Structures are given as structure tokens and as C-alpha cells.
Amino acid sequence: MVEMGVALGAALAISVSAISTAWAQSRIGAAGAGSIAENPELTGAVIILEAIPETMVILGFVVAAMILVL
């Protein structure tokens, strides 16, 4: 059985990374929409910049899995 502190640590690893990613993507999306409206050639760059913060959630999941396994 998983102890309460371990479960809380794993939950925080996922939730904090997910909330910070959502905040970052909201800022990037708003700025990206304005950039694409002015210069449609920036579409590829904006898509890449929108995808980069997703790595925070993946790393949060990896950390949570490591906390639960160890």
C-alpha cells in the first residue's frame, strides 16, 4: 500500500506540472494567434512553441512514476 505522503508527492508532481503547462500554453496561444494573424508564415513556429510546454507534463508524469515505484 502506498503511504499518504508518497501519494501526495506523486499527485503534486502531476498537478503542478499540468497547471503550469496550461498557464504557459494559454499565454503562448494568445500571442501566437496574434502573430499568425499578422504573418501567416509563422504558423509552424507557433505550433512548435505551443507543443514545447507539453514536455513539462511528461516529465511530471515520469517523476510521479518514479516516486511511486521507489
PDB file of N, CA and C in Angstrom:
ATOM      1  N   MET A   1       0.843  -1.177   0.000  1.00  0.00           N
ATOM      2  CA  MET A   1       0.000   0.000   0.000  1.00  0.00           C
ATOM      3  C   MET A   1       0.893   1.245   0.000  1.00  0.00           C
ATOM      4  N   VAL A   2       0.478   2.230  -0.765  1.00  0.00           N
ATOM      5  CA  VAL A   2       1.239   3.469  -0.890  1.00  0.00           C
ATOM      6  C   VAL A   2       0.939   4.368   0.297  1.00  0.00           C
ATOM      7  N   GLU A   3       2.004   4.916   0.883  1.00  0.00           N
ATOM      8  CA  GLU A   3       1.813   5.821   2.010  1.00  0.00           C
ATOM      9  C   GLU A   3       1.204   7.133   1.550  1.00  0.00           C
ATOM     10  N   MET A   4       0.597   7.836   2.465  1.00  0.00           N
ATOM     11  CA  MET A   4      -0.102   9.078   2.140  1.00  0.00           C
ATOM     12  C   MET A   4       0.851  10.141   1.608  1.00  0.00           C
ATOM     13  N   GLY A   5       2.018  10.292   2.205  1.00  0.00           N
ATOM     14  CA  GLY A   5       2.976  11.297   1.766  1.00  0.00           C
ATOM     15  C   GLY A   5       3.514  11.021   0.375  1.00  0.00           C
ATOM     16  N   VAL A   6       3.723   9.746   0.067  1.00  0.00           N
ATOM     17  CA  VAL A   6       4.212   9.360  -1.261  1.00  0.00           C
ATOM     18  C   VAL A   6       3.153   9.657  -2.302  1.00  0.00           C
ATOM     19  N   ALA A   7       1.914   9.312  -2.001  1.00  0.00           N
ATOM     20  CA  ALA A   7       0.821   9.578  -2.941  1.00  0.00           C
ATOM     21  C   ALA A   7       0.624  11.074  -3.142  1.00  0.00           C
ATOM     22  N   LEU A   8       0.752  11.843  -2.089  1.00  0.00           N
ATOM     23  CA  LEU A   8       0.624  13.297  -2.202  1.00  0.00           C
ATOM     24  C   LEU A   8       1.752  13.888  -3.047  1.00  0.00           C
ATOM     25  N   GLY A   9       2.953  13.380  -2.877  1.00  0.00           N
ATOM     26  CA  GLY A   9       4.079  13.841  -3.683  1.00  0.00           C
ATOM     27  C   GLY A   9       3.884  13.538  -5.155  1.00  0.00           C
ATOM     28  N   ALA A  10       3.388  12.355  -5.470  1.00  0.00           N
ATOM     29  CA  ALA A  10       3.124  11.994  -6.864  1.00  0.00           C
ATOM     30  C   ALA A  10       2.003  12.847  -7.446  1.00  0.00           C
ATOM     31  N   ALA A  11       0.981  13.093  -6.656  1.00  0.00           N
ATOM     32  CA  ALA A  11      -0.129  13.925  -7.129  1.00  0.00           C
ATOM     33  C   ALA A  11       0.326  15.361  -7.381  1.00  0.00           C
ATOM     34  N   LEU A  12       1.176  15.877  -6.530  1.00  0.00           N
ATOM     35  CA  LEU A  12       1.698  17.227  -6.730  1.00  0.00           C
ATOM     36  C   LEU A  12       2.594  17.302  -7.969  1.00  0.00           C
ATOM     37  N   ALA A  13       3.362  16.253  -8.220  1.00  0.00           N
ATOM     38  CA  ALA A  13       4.239  16.248  -9.396  1.00  0.00           C
ATOM     39  C   ALA A  13       3.423  16.368 -10.676  1.00  0.00           C
ATOM     40  N   ILE A  14       2.299  15.686 -10.735  1.00  0.00           N
ATOM     41  CA  ILE A  14       1.448  15.748 -11.929  1.00  0.00           C
ATOM     42  C   ILE A  14       0.657  17.052 -11.963  1.00  0.00           C
ATOM     43  N   SER A  15       0.026  17.417 -10.869  1.00  0.00           N
ATOM     44  CA  SER A  15      -0.889  18.562 -10.895  1.00  0.00           C
ATOM     45  C   SER A  15      -0.170  19.891 -11.096  1.00  0.00           C
ATOM     46  N   VAL A  16       0.955  20.090 -10.451  1.00  0.00           N
ATOM     47  CA  VAL A  16       1.678  21.352 -10.606  1.00  0.00           C
ATOM     48  C   VAL A  16       2.206  21.491 -12.027  1.00  0.00           C
ATOM     49  N   SER A  17       2.730  20.408 -12.578  1.00  0.00           N
ATOM     50  CA  SER A  17       3.238  20.485 -13.949  1.00  0.00           C
ATOM     51  C   SER A  17       2.101  20.699 -14.946  1.00  0.00           C
ATOM     52  N   ALA A  18       0.953  20.097 -14.715  1.00  0.00           N
ATOM     53  CA  ALA A  18      -0.178  20.275 -15.632  1.00  0.00           C
ATOM     54  C   ALA A  18      -0.739  21.696 -15.564  1.00  0.00           C
ATOM     55  N   ILE A  19      -0.848  22.245 -14.372  1.00  0.00           N
ATOM     56  CA  ILE A  19      -1.370  23.604 -14.230  1.00  0.00           C
ATOM     57  C   ILE A  19      -0.408  24.622 -14.837  1.00  0.00           C
ATOM     58  N   SER A  20       0.890  24.439 -14.607  1.00  0.00           N
ATOM     59  CA  SER A  20       1.850  25.389 -15.174  1.00  0.00           C
ATOM     60  C   SER A  20       1.902  25.277 -16.693  1.00  0.00           C
ATOM     61  N   THR A  21       1.728  24.082 -17.226  1.00  0.00           N
ATOM     62  CA  THR A  21       1.683  23.912 -18.677  1.00  0.00           C
ATOM     63  C   THR A  21       0.453  24.582 -19.264  1.00  0.00           C
ATOM     64  N   ALA A  22      -0.672  24.434 -18.618  1.00  0.00           N
ATOM     65  CA  ALA A  22      -1.892  25.081 -19.106  1.00  0.00           C
ATOM     66  C   ALA A  22      -1.745  26.594 -19.101  1.00  0.00           C
ATOM     67  N   TRP A  23      -1.131  27.136 -18.067  1.00  0.00           N
ATOM     68  CA  TRP A  23      -0.913  28.581 -18.000  1.00  0.00           C
ATOM     69  C   TRP A  23       0.013  29.049 -19.114  1.00  0.00           C
ATOM     70  N   ALA A  24       1.104  28.314 -19.322  1.00  0.00           N
ATOM     71  CA  ALA A  24       2.059  28.693 -20.368  1.00  0.00           C
ATOM     72  C   ALA A  24       1.423  28.600 -21.754  1.00  0.00           C
ATOM     73  N   GLN A  25       0.654  27.553 -21.994  1.00  0.00           N
ATOM     74  CA  GLN A  25       0.034  27.396 -23.308  1.00  0.00           C
ATOM     75  C   GLN A  25      -1.036  28.445 -23.562  1.00  0.00           C
ATOM     76  N   SER A  26      -1.692  28.905 -22.528  1.00  0.00           N
ATOM     77  CA  SER A  26      -2.680  29.959 -22.746  1.00  0.00           C
ATOM     78  C   SER A  26      -2.000  31.250 -23.181  1.00  0.00           C
ATOM     79  N   ARG A  27      -0.856  31.548 -22.586  1.00  0.00           N
ATOM     80  CA  ARG A  27      -0.100  32.749 -22.965  1.00  0.00           C
ATOM     81  C   ARG A  27       0.477  32.602 -24.382  1.00  0.00           C
ATOM     82  N   ILE A  28       1.040  31.454 -24.668  1.00  0.00           N
ATOM     83  CA  ILE A  28       1.630  31.224 -25.983  1.00  0.00           C
ATOM     84  C   ILE A  28       0.555  31.217 -27.058  1.00  0.00           C
ATOM     85  N   GLY A  29      -0.591  30.632 -26.766  1.00  0.00           N
ATOM     86  CA  GLY A  29      -1.675  30.580 -27.752  1.00  0.00           C
ATOM     87  C   GLY A  29      -2.211  31.947 -28.105  1.00  0.00           C
ATOM     88  N   ALA A  30      -2.365  32.799 -27.112  1.00  0.00           N
ATOM     89  CA  ALA A  30      -2.863  34.147 -27.381  1.00  0.00           C
ATOM     90  C   ALA A  30      -1.864  34.946 -28.210  1.00  0.00           C
ATOM     91  N   ALA A  31      -0.606  34.863 -27.838  1.00  0.00           N
ATOM     92  CA  ALA A  31       0.416  35.585 -28.598  1.00  0.00           C
ATOM     93  C   ALA A  31       0.588  34.989 -29.985  1.00  0.00           C
ATOM     94  N   GLY A  32       0.489  33.670 -30.074  1.00  0.00           N
ATOM     95  CA  GLY A  32       0.633  33.004 -31.366  1.00  0.00           C
ATOM     96  C   GLY A  32      -0.489  33.338 -32.327  1.00  0.00           C
ATOM     97  N   ALA A  33      -1.695  33.462 -31.809  1.00  0.00           N
ATOM     98  CA  ALA A  33      -2.827  33.819 -32.672  1.00  0.00           C
ATOM     99  C   ALA A  33      -2.629  35.206 -33.272  1.00  0.00           C
ATOM    100  N   GLY A  34      -2.144  36.136 -32.469  1.00  0.00           N
ATOM    101  CA  GLY A  34      -1.868  37.475 -32.982  1.00  0.00           C
ATOM    102  C   GLY A  34      -0.736  37.480 -33.994  1.00  0.00           C
ATOM    103  N   SER A  35       0.277  36.675 -33.738  1.00  0.00           N
ATOM    104  CA  SER A  35       1.405  36.605 -34.672  1.00  0.00           C
ATOM    105  C   SER A  35       0.994  36.010 -36.009  1.00  0.00           C
ATOM    106  N   ILE A  36       0.178  34.958 -35.962  1.00  0.00           N
ATOM    107  CA  ILE A  36      -0.268  34.321 -37.203  1.00  0.00           C
ATOM    108  C   ILE A  36      -1.196  35.248 -37.979  1.00  0.00           C
ATOM    109  N   ALA A  37      -1.985  36.034 -37.263  1.00  0.00           N
ATOM    110  CA  ALA A  37      -2.874  36.981 -37.946  1.00  0.00           C
ATOM    111  C   ALA A  37      -2.076  38.014 -38.729  1.00  0.00           C
ATOM    112  N   GLU A  38      -0.940  38.437 -38.180  1.00  0.00           N
ATOM    113  CA  GLU A  38      -0.119  39.427 -38.867  1.00  0.00           C
ATOM    114  C   GLU A  38       0.805  38.809 -39.905  1.00  0.00           C
ATOM    115  N   ASN A  39       1.320  37.602 -39.627  1.00  0.00           N
ATOM    116  CA  ASN A  39       2.276  36.964 -40.522  1.00  0.00           C
ATOM    117  C   ASN A  39       1.993  35.459 -40.574  1.00  0.00           C
ATOM    118  N   PRO A  40       1.212  34.977 -41.554  1.00  0.00           N
ATOM    119  CA  PRO A  40       0.844  33.561 -41.610  1.00  0.00           C
ATOM    120  C   PRO A  40       2.022  32.604 -41.789  1.00  0.00           C
ATOM    121  N   GLU A  41       3.178  33.104 -42.160  1.00  0.00           N
ATOM    122  CA  GLU A  41       4.346  32.241 -42.322  1.00  0.00           C
ATOM    123  C   GLU A  41       4.874  31.720 -40.985  1.00  0.00           C
ATOM    124  N   LEU A  42       4.422  32.277 -39.896  1.00  0.00           N
ATOM    125  CA  LEU A  42       4.880  31.862 -38.570  1.00  0.00           C
ATOM    126  C   LEU A  42       4.094  30.687 -37.994  1.00  0.00           C
ATOM    127  N   THR A  43       3.204  30.104 -38.793  1.00  0.00           N
ATOM    128  CA  THR A  43       2.338  29.036 -38.281  1.00  0.00           C
ATOM    129  C   THR A  43       3.137  27.863 -37.722  1.00  0.00           C
ATOM    130  N   GLY A  44       4.150  27.409 -38.446  1.00  0.00           N
ATOM    131  CA  GLY A  44       4.951  26.277 -37.980  1.00  0.00           C
ATOM    132  C   GLY A  44       5.675  26.573 -36.681  1.00  0.00           C
ATOM    133  N   ALA A  45       6.229  27.760 -36.576  1.00  0.00           N
ATOM    134  CA  ALA A  45       6.949  28.129 -35.352  1.00  0.00           C
ATOM    135  C   ALA A  45       6.005  28.209 -34.158  1.00  0.00           C
ATOM    136  N   VAL A  46       4.805  28.731 -34.389  1.00  0.00           N
ATOM    137  CA  VAL A  46       3.842  28.845 -33.291  1.00  0.00           C
ATOM    138  C   VAL A  46       3.389  27.456 -32.838  1.00  0.00           C
ATOM    139  N   ILE A  47       3.205  26.544 -33.767  1.00  0.00           N
ATOM    140  CA  ILE A  47       2.809  25.178 -33.390  1.00  0.00           C
ATOM    141  C   ILE A  47       3.903  24.517 -32.561  1.00  0.00           C
ATOM    142  N   ILE A  48       5.154  24.709 -32.948  1.00  0.00           N
ATOM    143  CA  ILE A  48       6.260  24.139 -32.181  1.00  0.00           C
ATOM    144  C   ILE A  48       6.325  24.762 -30.786  1.00  0.00           C
ATOM    145  N   LEU A  49       6.173  26.079 -30.720  1.00  0.00           N
ATOM    146  CA  LEU A  49       6.206  26.746 -29.420  1.00  0.00           C
ATOM    147  C   LEU A  49       5.032  26.340 -28.534  1.00  0.00           C
ATOM    148  N   GLU A  50       3.921  25.982 -29.135  1.00  0.00           N
ATOM    149  CA  GLU A  50       2.760  25.527 -28.370  1.00  0.00           C
ATOM    150  C   GLU A  50       2.975  24.112 -27.826  1.00  0.00           C
ATOM    151  N   ALA A  51       3.775  23.318 -28.530  1.00  0.00           N
ATOM    152  CA  ALA A  51       3.993  21.930 -28.116  1.00  0.00           C
ATOM    153  C   ALA A  51       5.106  21.780 -27.084  1.00  0.00           C
ATOM    154  N   ILE A  52       6.022  22.708 -27.013  1.00  0.00           N
ATOM    155  CA  ILE A  52       7.170  22.582 -26.104  1.00  0.00           C
ATOM    156  C   ILE A  52       6.758  22.466 -24.626  1.00  0.00           C
ATOM    157  N   PRO A  53       5.790  23.232 -24.126  1.00  0.00           N
ATOM    158  CA  PRO A  53       5.442  23.089 -22.703  1.00  0.00           C
ATOM    159  C   PRO A  53       4.852  21.720 -22.337  1.00  0.00           C
ATOM    160  N   GLU A  54       4.411  20.954 -23.311  1.00  0.00           N
ATOM    161  CA  GLU A  54       3.880  19.622 -23.006  1.00  0.00           C
ATOM    162  C   GLU A  54       4.935  18.720 -22.382  1.00  0.00           C
ATOM    163  N   THR A  55       6.203  19.027 -22.631  1.00  0.00           N
ATOM    164  CA  THR A  55       7.255  18.207 -22.029  1.00  0.00           C
ATOM    165  C   THR A  55       7.244  18.321 -20.507  1.00  0.00           C
ATOM    166  N   MET A  56       6.737  19.435 -19.975  1.00  0.00           N
ATOM    167  CA  MET A  56       6.652  19.569 -18.514  1.00  0.00           C
ATOM    168  C   MET A  56       5.692  18.540 -17.928  1.00  0.00           C
ATOM    169  N   VAL A  57       4.581  18.294 -18.622  1.00  0.00           N
ATOM    170  CA  VAL A  57       3.629  17.309 -18.116  1.00  0.00           C
ATOM    171  C   VAL A  57       4.218  15.909 -18.211  1.00  0.00           C
ATOM    172  N   ILE A  58       4.919  15.634 -19.308  1.00  0.00           N
ATOM    173  CA  ILE A  58       5.542  14.322 -19.455  1.00  0.00           C
ATOM    174  C   ILE A  58       6.579  14.103 -18.360  1.00  0.00           C
ATOM    175  N   LEU A  59       7.384  15.118 -18.094  1.00  0.00           N
ATOM    176  CA  LEU A  59       8.382  14.994 -17.023  1.00  0.00           C
ATOM    177  C   LEU A  59       7.716  14.876 -15.650  1.00  0.00           C
ATOM    178  N   GLY A  60       6.606  15.573 -15.442  1.00  0.00           N
ATOM    179  CA  GLY A  60       5.866  15.428 -14.192  1.00  0.00           C
ATOM    180  C   GLY A  60       5.335  14.017 -14.008  1.00  0.00           C
ATOM    181  N   PHE A  61       4.884  13.424 -15.112  1.00  0.00           N
ATOM    182  CA  PHE A  61       4.415  12.033 -15.049  1.00  0.00           C
ATOM    183  C   PHE A  61       5.555  11.080 -14.729  1.00  0.00           C
ATOM    184  N   VAL A  62       6.704  11.304 -15.336  1.00  0.00           N
ATOM    185  CA  VAL A  62       7.871  10.455 -15.068  1.00  0.00           C
ATOM    186  C   VAL A  62       8.291  10.576 -13.607  1.00  0.00           C
ATOM    187  N   VAL A  63       8.314  11.781 -13.084  1.00  0.00           N
ATOM    188  CA  VAL A  63       8.680  11.977 -11.678  1.00  0.00           C
ATOM    189  C   VAL A  63       7.669  11.306 -10.760  1.00  0.00           C
ATOM    190  N   ALA A  64       6.383  11.425 -11.078  1.00  0.00           N
ATOM    191  CA  ALA A  64       5.351  10.773 -10.250  1.00  0.00           C
ATOM    192  C   ALA A  64       5.511   9.257 -10.290  1.00  0.00           C
ATOM    193  N   ALA A  65       5.809   8.713 -11.455  1.00  0.00           N
ATOM    194  CA  ALA A  65       6.005   7.267 -11.562  1.00  0.00           C
ATOM    195  C   ALA A  65       7.240   6.832 -10.757  1.00  0.00           C
ATOM    196  N   MET A  66       8.288   7.630 -10.811  1.00  0.00           N
ATOM    197  CA  MET A  66       9.488   7.303 -10.034  1.00  0.00           C
ATOM    198  C   MET A  66       9.224   7.378  -8.533  1.00  0.00           C
ATOM    199  N   ILE A  67       8.423   8.360  -8.125  1.00  0.00           N
ATOM    200  CA  ILE A  67       8.085   8.472  -6.698  1.00  0.00           C
ATOM    201  C   ILE A  67       7.306   7.246  -6.242  1.00  0.00           C
ATOM    202  N   LEU A  68       6.356   6.801  -7.056  1.00  0.00           N
ATOM    203  CA  LEU A  68       5.527   5.666  -6.660  1.00  0.00           C
ATOM    204  C   LEU A  68       6.274   4.348  -6.701  1.00  0.00           C
ATOM    205  N   VAL A  69       7.217   4.207  -7.618  1.00  0.00           N
ATOM    206  CA  VAL A  69       7.948   2.940  -7.734  1.00  0.00           C
ATOM    207  C   VAL A  69       9.029   2.840  -6.685  1.00  0.00           C
ATOM    208  N   LEU A  70       9.724   3.941  -6.437  1.00  0.00           N
ATOM    209  CA  LEU A  70      10.810   3.889  -5.441  1.00  0.00           C
ATOM    210  C   LEU A  70      10.224   4.081  -4.088  1.00  0.00           C
TER     211      LEU A  70
END
